[in-house]
Amino acid sequence: RELLLRGCEGLETLPEGMGRLISLEKFIIMDCPKLTF
């Protein structure tokens, strides 16, 4: 339901299958400068 990614400066990509997380209500990304899309 919730995924928080904060201060993960090296994080570059997210898996393409993220769209299968059908129950995801809250998704927060903060301070992850290499994650651009």
All heavy atoms as atom14 arrays in JSON, in Angstrom:
{
  "sequence": "RELLLRGCEGLETLPEGMGRLISLEKFIIMDCPKLTF",
  "atom14_mask": [
    [1, 1, 1, 1, 1, 1, 1, 1, 1, 1, 1, 0, 0, 0],
    [1, 1, 1, 1, 1, 1, 1, 1, 1, 0, 0, 0, 0, 0],
    [1, 1, 1, 1, 1, 1, 1, 1, 0, 0, 0, 0, 0, 0],
    [1, 1, 1, 1, 1, 1, 1, 1, 0, 0, 0, 0, 0, 0],
    [1, 1, 1, 1, 1, 1, 1, 1, 0, 0, 0, 0, 0, 0],
    [1, 1, 1, 1, 1, 1, 1, 1, 1, 1, 1, 0, 0, 0],
    [1, 1, 1, 1, 0, 0, 0, 0, 0, 0, 0, 0, 0, 0],
    [1, 1, 1, 1, 1, 1, 0, 0, 0, 0, 0, 0, 0, 0],
    [1, 1, 1, 1, 1, 1, 1, 1, 1, 0, 0, 0, 0, 0],
    [1, 1, 1, 1, 0, 0, 0, 0, 0, 0, 0, 0, 0, 0],
    [1, 1, 1, 1, 1, 1, 1, 1, 0, 0, 0, 0, 0, 0],
    [1, 1, 1, 1, 1, 1, 1, 1, 1, 0, 0, 0, 0, 0],
    [1, 1, 1, 1, 1, 1, 1, 0, 0, 0, 0, 0, 0, 0],
    [1, 1, 1, 1, 1, 1, 1, 1, 0, 0, 0, 0, 0, 0],
    [1, 1, 1, 1, 1, 1, 1, 0, 0, 0, 0, 0, 0, 0],
    [1, 1, 1, 1, 1, 1, 1, 1, 1, 0, 0, 0, 0, 0],
    [1, 1, 1, 1, 0, 0, 0, 0, 0, 0, 0, 0, 0, 0],
    [1, 1, 1, 1, 1, 1, 1, 1, 0, 0, 0, 0, 0, 0],
    [1, 1, 1, 1, 0, 0, 0, 0, 0, 0, 0, 0, 0, 0],
    [1, 1, 1, 1, 1, 1, 1, 1, 1, 1, 1, 0, 0, 0],
    [1, 1, 1, 1, 1, 1, 1, 1, 0, 0, 0, 0, 0, 0],
    [1, 1, 1, 1, 1, 1, 1, 1, 0, 0, 0, 0, 0, 0],
    [1, 1, 1, 1, 1, 1, 0, 0, 0, 0, 0, 0, 0, 0],
    [1, 1, 1, 1, 1, 1, 1, 1, 0, 0, 0, 0, 0, 0],
    [1, 1, 1, 1, 1, 1, 1, 1, 1, 0, 0, 0, 0, 0],
    [1, 1, 1, 1, 1, 1, 1, 1, 1, 0, 0, 0, 0, 0],
    [1, 1, 1, 1, 1, 1, 1, 1, 1, 1, 1, 0, 0, 0],
    [1, 1, 1, 1, 1, 1, 1, 1, 0, 0, 0, 0, 0, 0],
    [1, 1, 1, 1, 1, 1, 1, 1, 0, 0, 0, 0, 0, 0],
    [1, 1, 1, 1, 1, 1, 1, 1, 0, 0, 0, 0, 0, 0],
    [1, 1, 1, 1, 1, 1, 1, 1, 0, 0, 0, 0, 0, 0],
    [1, 1, 1, 1, 1, 1, 0, 0, 0, 0, 0, 0, 0, 0],
    [1, 1, 1, 1, 1, 1, 1, 0, 0, 0, 0, 0, 0, 0],
    [1, 1, 1, 1, 1, 1, 1, 1, 1, 0, 0, 0, 0, 0],
    [1, 1, 1, 1, 1, 1, 1, 1, 0, 0, 0, 0, 0, 0],
    [1, 1, 1, 1, 1, 1, 1, 0, 0, 0, 0, 0, 0, 0],
    [1, 1, 1, 1, 1, 1, 1, 1, 1, 1, 1, 0, 0, 0]
  ],
  "atom14_positions": [
    [[0.81, -1.22, 0.0], [0.0, 0.0, 0.0], [0.85, 1.27, 0.0], [0.44, 2.28, -0.53], [-0.93, 0.04, 1.21], [-2.02, -1.01, 1.21], [-2.92, -0.91, 2.44], [-2.2, -1.19, 3.69], [-1.78, -0.28, 4.57], [-2.0, 0.99, 4.37], [-1.14, -0.63, 5.66], [0.0, 0.0, 0.0], [0.0, 0.0, 0.0], [0.0, 0.0, 0.0]],
    [[2.03, 1.21, 0.64], [2.87, 2.39, 0.77], [4.32, 2.05, 0.41], [4.86, 1.05, 0.88], [2.84, 2.93, 2.2], [1.5, 3.41, 2.65], [1.53, 3.96, 4.07], [2.6, 4.39, 4.56], [0.45, 3.97, 4.7], [0.0, 0.0, 0.0], [0.0, 0.0, 0.0], [0.0, 0.0, 0.0], [0.0, 0.0, 0.0], [0.0, 0.0, 0.0]],
    [[4.93, 2.93, -0.38], [6.33, 2.8, -0.74], [6.97, 4.18, -0.62], [6.54, 5.12, -1.28], [6.49, 2.25, -2.16], [7.9, 2.12, -2.7], [8.76, 1.2, -1.82], [7.88, 1.6, -4.13], [0.0, 0.0, 0.0], [0.0, 0.0, 0.0], [0.0, 0.0, 0.0], [0.0, 0.0, 0.0], [0.0, 0.0, 0.0], [0.0, 0.0, 0.0]],
    [[7.97, 4.28, 0.25], [8.68, 5.54, 0.46], [10.15, 5.33, 0.15], [10.78, 4.42, 0.69], [8.53, 6.02, 1.91], [9.41, 7.19, 2.33], [8.95, 8.48, 1.68], [9.42, 7.34, 3.84], [0.0, 0.0, 0.0], [0.0, 0.0, 0.0], [0.0, 0.0, 0.0], [0.0, 0.0, 0.0], [0.0, 0.0, 0.0], [0.0, 0.0, 0.0]],
    [[10.69, 6.15, -0.73], [12.1, 6.14, -1.08], [12.63, 7.55, -0.82], [12.25, 8.49, -1.52], [12.29, 5.78, -2.56], [11.65, 4.47, -3.01], [11.66, 4.36, -4.53], [12.37, 3.29, -2.38], [0.0, 0.0, 0.0], [0.0, 0.0, 0.0], [0.0, 0.0, 0.0], [0.0, 0.0, 0.0], [0.0, 0.0, 0.0], [0.0, 0.0, 0.0]],
    [[13.48, 7.69, 0.19], [13.98, 9.03, 0.53], [15.49, 8.96, 0.8], [15.95, 8.11, 1.55], [13.26, 9.59, 1.76], [13.69, 11.03, 2.06], [12.9, 11.64, 3.17], [13.43, 11.12, 4.43], [12.77, 11.1, 5.57], [11.54, 11.53, 5.63], [13.33, 10.64, 6.66], [0.0, 0.0, 0.0], [0.0, 0.0, 0.0], [0.0, 0.0, 0.0]],
    [[16.22, 9.86, 0.19], [17.65, 9.92, 0.41], [18.4, 8.74, -0.18], [19.45, 8.36, 0.32], [0.0, 0.0, 0.0], [0.0, 0.0, 0.0], [0.0, 0.0, 0.0], [0.0, 0.0, 0.0], [0.0, 0.0, 0.0], [0.0, 0.0, 0.0], [0.0, 0.0, 0.0], [0.0, 0.0, 0.0], [0.0, 0.0, 0.0], [0.0, 0.0, 0.0]],
    [[17.87, 8.19, -1.25], [18.54, 7.1, -1.95], [19.2, 7.71, -3.19], [18.72, 7.55, -4.31], [17.54, 6.0, -2.31], [16.72, 5.27, -0.88], [0.0, 0.0, 0.0], [0.0, 0.0, 0.0], [0.0, 0.0, 0.0], [0.0, 0.0, 0.0], [0.0, 0.0, 0.0], [0.0, 0.0, 0.0], [0.0, 0.0, 0.0], [0.0, 0.0, 0.0]],
    [[20.29, 8.44, -2.95], [20.95, 9.23, -4.0], [21.41, 8.4, -5.18], [21.49, 8.89, -6.3], [22.14, 10.01, -3.43], [21.76, 11.12, -2.48], [21.72, 10.67, -1.02], [21.91, 9.46, -0.74], [21.48, 11.52, -0.14], [0.0, 0.0, 0.0], [0.0, 0.0, 0.0], [0.0, 0.0, 0.0], [0.0, 0.0, 0.0], [0.0, 0.0, 0.0]],
    [[21.74, 7.14, -4.98], [22.22, 6.29, -6.05], [21.12, 5.62, -6.86], [21.39, 5.02, -7.9], [0.0, 0.0, 0.0], [0.0, 0.0, 0.0], [0.0, 0.0, 0.0], [0.0, 0.0, 0.0], [0.0, 0.0, 0.0], [0.0, 0.0, 0.0], [0.0, 0.0, 0.0], [0.0, 0.0, 0.0], [0.0, 0.0, 0.0], [0.0, 0.0, 0.0]],
    [[19.88, 5.71, -6.41], [18.77, 5.03, -7.08], [18.56, 5.62, -8.47], [18.28, 6.81, -8.62], [17.5, 5.16, -6.25], [16.31, 4.31, -6.68], [16.64, 2.83, -6.59], [15.1, 4.64, -5.83], [0.0, 0.0, 0.0], [0.0, 0.0, 0.0], [0.0, 0.0, 0.0], [0.0, 0.0, 0.0], [0.0, 0.0, 0.0], [0.0, 0.0, 0.0]],
    [[18.71, 4.78, -9.49], [18.64, 5.23, -10.88], [17.37, 4.8, -11.59], [16.87, 5.52, -12.45], [19.85, 4.72, -11.66], [21.16, 5.24, -11.12], [22.37, 4.61, -11.8], [22.19, 3.69, -12.63], [23.49, 5.03, -11.47], [0.0, 0.0, 0.0], [0.0, 0.0, 0.0], [0.0, 0.0, 0.0], [0.0, 0.0, 0.0], [0.0, 0.0, 0.0]],
    [[16.87, 3.62, -11.27], [15.7, 3.1, -11.99], [14.75, 2.39, -11.03], [15.13, 1.94, -9.97], [16.1, 2.09, -13.09], [16.76, 0.99, -12.47], [17.0, 2.72, -14.13], [0.0, 0.0, 0.0], [0.0, 0.0, 0.0], [0.0, 0.0, 0.0], [0.0, 0.0, 0.0], [0.0, 0.0, 0.0], [0.0, 0.0, 0.0], [0.0, 0.0, 0.0]],
    [[13.53, 2.29, -11.5], [12.51, 1.48, -10.82], [12.12, 0.36, -11.78], [12.16, 0.54, -13.0], [11.28, 2.34, -10.49], [11.5, 3.47, -9.5], [10.21, 4.29, -9.35], [11.93, 2.94, -8.15], [0.0, 0.0, 0.0], [0.0, 0.0, 0.0], [0.0, 0.0, 0.0], [0.0, 0.0, 0.0], [0.0, 0.0, 0.0], [0.0, 0.0, 0.0]],
    [[11.73, -0.79, -11.25], [11.35, -1.9, -12.14], [10.13, -1.54, -12.99], [9.21, -0.86, -12.52], [11.01, -3.03, -11.18], [11.49, -2.62, -9.85], [11.64, -1.14, -9.85], [0.0, 0.0, 0.0], [0.0, 0.0, 0.0], [0.0, 0.0, 0.0], [0.0, 0.0, 0.0], [0.0, 0.0, 0.0], [0.0, 0.0, 0.0], [0.0, 0.0, 0.0]],
    [[10.13, -1.98, -14.22], [9.01, -1.72, -15.13], [7.71, -2.3, -14.58], [6.63, -1.74, -14.81], [9.3, -2.3, -16.52], [8.21, -2.05, -17.53], [7.82, -0.58, -17.7], [8.71, 0.28, -17.75], [6.6, -0.3, -17.77], [0.0, 0.0, 0.0], [0.0, 0.0, 0.0], [0.0, 0.0, 0.0], [0.0, 0.0, 0.0], [0.0, 0.0, 0.0]],
    [[7.78, -3.37, -13.82], [6.57, -4.01, -13.29], [5.89, -3.27, -12.16], [4.96, -3.79, -11.55], [0.0, 0.0, 0.0], [0.0, 0.0, 0.0], [0.0, 0.0, 0.0], [0.0, 0.0, 0.0], [0.0, 0.0, 0.0], [0.0, 0.0, 0.0], [0.0, 0.0, 0.0], [0.0, 0.0, 0.0], [0.0, 0.0, 0.0], [0.0, 0.0, 0.0]],
    [[6.32, -2.05, -11.86], [5.7, -1.27, -10.78], [4.19, -1.12, -11.0], [3.44, -0.97, -10.04], [6.34, 0.11, -10.67], [7.79, 0.1, -10.22], [8.0, -0.2, -8.46], [7.34, 1.29, -7.77], [0.0, 0.0, 0.0], [0.0, 0.0, 0.0], [0.0, 0.0, 0.0], [0.0, 0.0, 0.0], [0.0, 0.0, 0.0], [0.0, 0.0, 0.0]],
    [[3.74, -1.18, -12.21], [2.32, -1.05, -12.52], [1.49, -2.22, -12.02], [0.26, -2.15, -12.01], [0.0, 0.0, 0.0], [0.0, 0.0, 0.0], [0.0, 0.0, 0.0], [0.0, 0.0, 0.0], [0.0, 0.0, 0.0], [0.0, 0.0, 0.0], [0.0, 0.0, 0.0], [0.0, 0.0, 0.0], [0.0, 0.0, 0.0], [0.0, 0.0, 0.0]],
    [[2.13, -3.28, -11.57], [1.41, -4.44, -11.04], [1.11, -4.3, -9.54], [0.47, -5.17, -8.97], [2.21, -5.71, -11.27], [2.36, -6.04, -12.73], [3.05, -7.34, -12.91], [3.24, -7.63, -14.33], [3.92, -8.64, -14.78], [4.49, -9.48, -13.94], [4.06, -8.84, -16.07], [0.0, 0.0, 0.0], [0.0, 0.0, 0.0], [0.0, 0.0, 0.0]],
    [[1.57, -3.23, -8.94], [1.33, -3.01, -7.51], [-0.07, -2.43, -7.33], [-0.26, -1.25, -7.01], [2.4, -2.08, -6.92], [3.84, -2.59, -7.03], [4.82, -1.55, -6.51], [3.99, -3.9, -6.28], [0.0, 0.0, 0.0], [0.0, 0.0, 0.0], [0.0, 0.0, 0.0], [0.0, 0.0, 0.0], [0.0, 0.0, 0.0], [0.0, 0.0, 0.0]],
    [[-1.07, -3.26, -7.54], [-2.46, -2.83, -7.65], [-3.03, -2.21, -6.37], [-4.01, -1.48, -6.42], [-3.36, -3.99, -8.1], [-3.22, -5.17, -7.13], [-3.02, -4.4, -9.53], [-4.15, -6.32, -7.4], [0.0, 0.0, 0.0], [0.0, 0.0, 0.0], [0.0, 0.0, 0.0], [0.0, 0.0, 0.0], [0.0, 0.0, 0.0], [0.0, 0.0, 0.0]],
    [[-2.42, -2.47, -5.23], [-2.91, -1.92, -3.97], [-2.17, -0.65, -3.55], [-2.51, -0.05, -2.53], [-2.77, -2.96, -2.84], [-3.52, -4.1, -3.14], [0.0, 0.0, 0.0], [0.0, 0.0, 0.0], [0.0, 0.0, 0.0], [0.0, 0.0, 0.0], [0.0, 0.0, 0.0], [0.0, 0.0, 0.0], [0.0, 0.0, 0.0], [0.0, 0.0, 0.0]],
    [[-1.17, -0.23, -4.33], [-0.36, 0.91, -3.96], [-1.2, 2.19, -3.91], [-1.78, 2.59, -4.9], [0.81, 1.08, -4.94], [1.94, 2.0, -4.49], [2.63, 1.45, -3.24], [2.96, 2.19, -5.6], [0.0, 0.0, 0.0], [0.0, 0.0, 0.0], [0.0, 0.0, 0.0], [0.0, 0.0, 0.0], [0.0, 0.0, 0.0], [0.0, 0.0, 0.0]],
    [[-1.26, 2.77, -2.71], [-2.02, 4.0, -2.49], [-1.12, 5.21, -2.31], [-1.5, 6.33, -2.63], [-2.89, 3.85, -1.24], [-3.92, 2.76, -1.31], [-4.65, 2.55, 0.0], [-4.26, 3.14, 1.03], [-5.62, 1.78, 0.0], [0.0, 0.0, 0.0], [0.0, 0.0, 0.0], [0.0, 0.0, 0.0], [0.0, 0.0, 0.0], [0.0, 0.0, 0.0]],
    [[0.06, 4.97, -1.74], [0.95, 6.07, -1.39], [2.36, 5.75, -1.89], [2.93, 4.73, -1.52], [0.95, 6.24, 0.13], [1.69, 7.42, 0.65], [1.51, 7.48, 2.17], [2.16, 8.7, 2.76], [1.96, 8.75, 4.21], [0.0, 0.0, 0.0], [0.0, 0.0, 0.0], [0.0, 0.0, 0.0], [0.0, 0.0, 0.0], [0.0, 0.0, 0.0]],
    [[2.9, 6.62, -2.75], [4.23, 6.43, -3.31], [4.97, 7.75, -3.22], [4.58, 8.74, -3.83], [4.11, 5.97, -4.77], [5.42, 5.7, -5.44], [6.41, 4.96, -4.82], [5.66, 6.18, -6.71], [7.62, 4.7, -5.45], [6.86, 5.93, -7.36], [7.84, 5.18, -6.72], [0.0, 0.0, 0.0], [0.0, 0.0, 0.0], [0.0, 0.0, 0.0]],
    [[6.02, 7.78, -2.4], [6.76, 9.02, -2.16], [8.23, 8.81, -2.52], [8.86, 7.85, -2.05], [6.63, 9.47, -0.7], [5.15, 9.76, -0.39], [7.49, 10.7, -0.42], [4.87, 10.1, 1.06], [0.0, 0.0, 0.0], [0.0, 0.0, 0.0], [0.0, 0.0, 0.0], [0.0, 0.0, 0.0], [0.0, 0.0, 0.0], [0.0, 0.0, 0.0]],
    [[8.75, 9.69, -3.34], [10.17, 9.7, -3.7], [10.7, 11.09, -3.32], [10.18, 12.1, -3.79], [10.38, 9.49, -5.2], [9.74, 8.2, -5.67], [11.87, 9.52, -5.54], [9.72, 8.04, -7.17], [0.0, 0.0, 0.0], [0.0, 0.0, 0.0], [0.0, 0.0, 0.0], [0.0, 0.0, 0.0], [0.0, 0.0, 0.0], [0.0, 0.0, 0.0]],
    [[11.73, 11.11, -2.48], [12.34, 12.38, -2.08], [13.86, 12.22, -2.08], [14.37, 11.19, -1.63], [11.88, 12.78, -0.68], [10.39, 13.02, -0.57], [9.84, 13.3, 1.13], [10.79, 14.73, 1.57], [0.0, 0.0, 0.0], [0.0, 0.0, 0.0], [0.0, 0.0, 0.0], [0.0, 0.0, 0.0], [0.0, 0.0, 0.0], [0.0, 0.0, 0.0]],
    [[14.55, 13.22, -2.56], [16.02, 13.26, -2.52], [16.65, 12.04, -3.19], [17.55, 11.41, -2.64], [16.52, 13.4, -1.08], [15.98, 14.65, -0.41], [15.88, 15.69, -1.09], [15.65, 14.58, 0.79], [0.0, 0.0, 0.0], [0.0, 0.0, 0.0], [0.0, 0.0, 0.0], [0.0, 0.0, 0.0], [0.0, 0.0, 0.0], [0.0, 0.0, 0.0]],
    [[16.13, 11.7, -4.35], [16.68, 10.62, -5.18], [17.0, 11.25, -6.54], [16.27, 11.03, -7.52], [15.68, 9.48, -5.32], [15.18, 8.73, -3.76], [0.0, 0.0, 0.0], [0.0, 0.0, 0.0], [0.0, 0.0, 0.0], [0.0, 0.0, 0.0], [0.0, 0.0, 0.0], [0.0, 0.0, 0.0], [0.0, 0.0, 0.0], [0.0, 0.0, 0.0]],
    [[18.07, 12.06, -6.63], [18.33, 12.88, -7.81], [18.6, 12.11, -9.1], [18.36, 12.64, -10.19], [19.55, 13.72, -7.41], [20.22, 12.95, -6.33], [19.12, 12.23, -5.6], [0.0, 0.0, 0.0], [0.0, 0.0, 0.0], [0.0, 0.0, 0.0], [0.0, 0.0, 0.0], [0.0, 0.0, 0.0], [0.0, 0.0, 0.0], [0.0, 0.0, 0.0]],
    [[19.08, 10.88, -9.04], [19.37, 10.12, -10.25], [18.13, 9.43, -10.83], [18.15, 8.95, -11.94], [20.45, 9.07, -9.97], [21.81, 9.68, -9.72], [22.86, 8.61, -9.55], [24.22, 9.23, -9.31], [25.25, 8.21, -9.12], [0.0, 0.0, 0.0], [0.0, 0.0, 0.0], [0.0, 0.0, 0.0], [0.0, 0.0, 0.0], [0.0, 0.0, 0.0]],
    [[17.07, 9.4, -10.06], [15.83, 8.79, -10.52], [15.05, 9.86, -11.28], [14.42, 10.73, -10.68], [15.01, 8.25, -9.34], [13.78, 7.44, -9.67], [14.13, 6.22, -10.5], [13.07, 7.03, -8.39], [0.0, 0.0, 0.0], [0.0, 0.0, 0.0], [0.0, 0.0, 0.0], [0.0, 0.0, 0.0], [0.0, 0.0, 0.0], [0.0, 0.0, 0.0]],
    [[15.14, 9.83, -12.59], [14.59, 10.92, -13.4], [13.29, 10.58, -14.12], [12.67, 11.47, -14.69], [15.63, 11.37, -14.44], [16.02, 10.24, -15.23], [16.86, 11.97, -13.75], [0.0, 0.0, 0.0], [0.0, 0.0, 0.0], [0.0, 0.0, 0.0], [0.0, 0.0, 0.0], [0.0, 0.0, 0.0], [0.0, 0.0, 0.0], [0.0, 0.0, 0.0]],
    [[12.89, 9.31, -14.13], [11.61, 8.98, -14.74], [11.0, 7.77, -14.06], [11.68, 6.98, -13.42], [11.74, 8.75, -16.25], [12.49, 7.5, -16.62], [11.8, 6.32, -16.85], [13.88, 7.5, -16.72], [12.5, 5.15, -17.18], [14.57, 6.34, -17.06], [13.87, 5.17, -17.28], [0.0, 0.0, 0.0], [0.0, 0.0, 0.0], [0.0, 0.0, 0.0]]
  ]
}
